[in-house]
């Protein structure tokens, strides 16, 4: 088991998304059951999408 920041996952798999994410999203702690070495691209995308949606859930609507 390994805990990493979302920013580490983003930089490994989708660095082009890094500038568009908020710092709070990037600082999110993610627990990976099998660590970064076992993480695959599709799993990384799912984690990134879920993290973004979790942060947007609490955002006020304008």
Protein backbone atom coordinates (compact mmCIF):
# COMPACT_ATOMS: atom_id res chain seq x y z
CA UNK A 1 0.00 0.00 0.00
CA UNK A 2 1.30 3.47 -0.90
CA UNK A 3 -0.10 6.96 -0.32
CA UNK A 4 0.75 9.58 -2.96
CA UNK A 5 -0.45 13.02 -3.92
CA UNK A 6 -2.65 13.25 -6.99
CA UNK A 7 -0.01 15.54 -8.52
CA UNK A 8 2.40 12.60 -8.71
CA UNK A 9 -0.14 10.50 -10.61
CA UNK A 10 -0.95 13.39 -12.93
CA UNK A 11 2.71 14.09 -13.69
CA UNK A 12 3.38 10.43 -14.50
CA UNK A 13 0.35 9.74 -16.69
CA UNK A 14 -1.22 13.03 -17.87
CA UNK A 15 1.22 15.92 -17.33
CA UNK A 16 -0.73 18.03 -19.83
CA UNK A 17 -3.57 18.23 -17.27
CA UNK A 18 -1.35 19.57 -14.47
CA UNK A 19 -1.82 23.30 -15.24
CA UNK A 20 -5.61 22.97 -15.40
CA UNK A 21 -5.99 21.38 -11.95
CA UNK A 22 -6.42 23.35 -8.74
CA UNK A 23 -3.79 23.09 -6.03
CA UNK A 24 -6.30 21.46 -3.67
CA UNK A 25 -6.92 18.75 -6.26
CA UNK A 26 -3.20 18.22 -6.85
CA UNK A 27 -2.57 17.95 -3.09
CA UNK A 28 -5.23 15.25 -2.62
CA UNK A 29 -3.87 12.15 -0.90
CA UNK A 30 -4.53 8.96 -2.87
CA UNK A 31 -4.05 5.50 -1.36
CA UNK A 32 -2.91 2.95 -3.92
CA UNK A 33 -3.39 -0.67 -2.88
CA UNK A 34 -0.44 -1.89 -4.93
CA UNK A 35 1.60 1.31 -5.19
CA UNK A 36 2.60 3.52 -8.10
CA UNK A 37 4.51 0.76 -9.88
CA UNK A 38 1.33 -1.27 -10.36
CA UNK A 39 -0.81 1.69 -11.47
CA UNK A 40 -1.90 1.51 -15.10
CA UNK A 41 -2.98 4.33 -17.41
CA UNK A 42 -6.73 3.66 -17.30
CA UNK A 43 -6.66 3.33 -13.51
CA UNK A 44 -4.77 6.62 -13.27
CA UNK A 45 -7.37 8.37 -15.45
CA UNK A 46 -10.17 7.01 -13.29
CA UNK A 47 -8.47 8.25 -10.12
CA UNK A 48 -7.90 11.71 -11.63
CA UNK A 49 -11.51 11.99 -12.83
CA UNK A 50 -12.88 10.85 -9.47
CA UNK A 51 -10.67 13.29 -7.56
CA UNK A 52 -11.77 16.21 -9.72
CA UNK A 53 -15.45 15.32 -9.34
CA UNK A 54 -15.05 15.00 -5.55
CA UNK A 55 -13.59 18.52 -5.34
CA UNK A 56 -16.27 19.98 -7.62
CA UNK A 57 -19.02 18.41 -5.52
CA UNK A 58 -18.40 20.90 -2.69
CA UNK A 59 -17.85 23.92 -4.94
CA UNK A 60 -20.58 26.59 -4.91
CA UNK A 61 -22.54 27.02 -8.10
CA UNK A 62 -22.27 30.43 -9.76
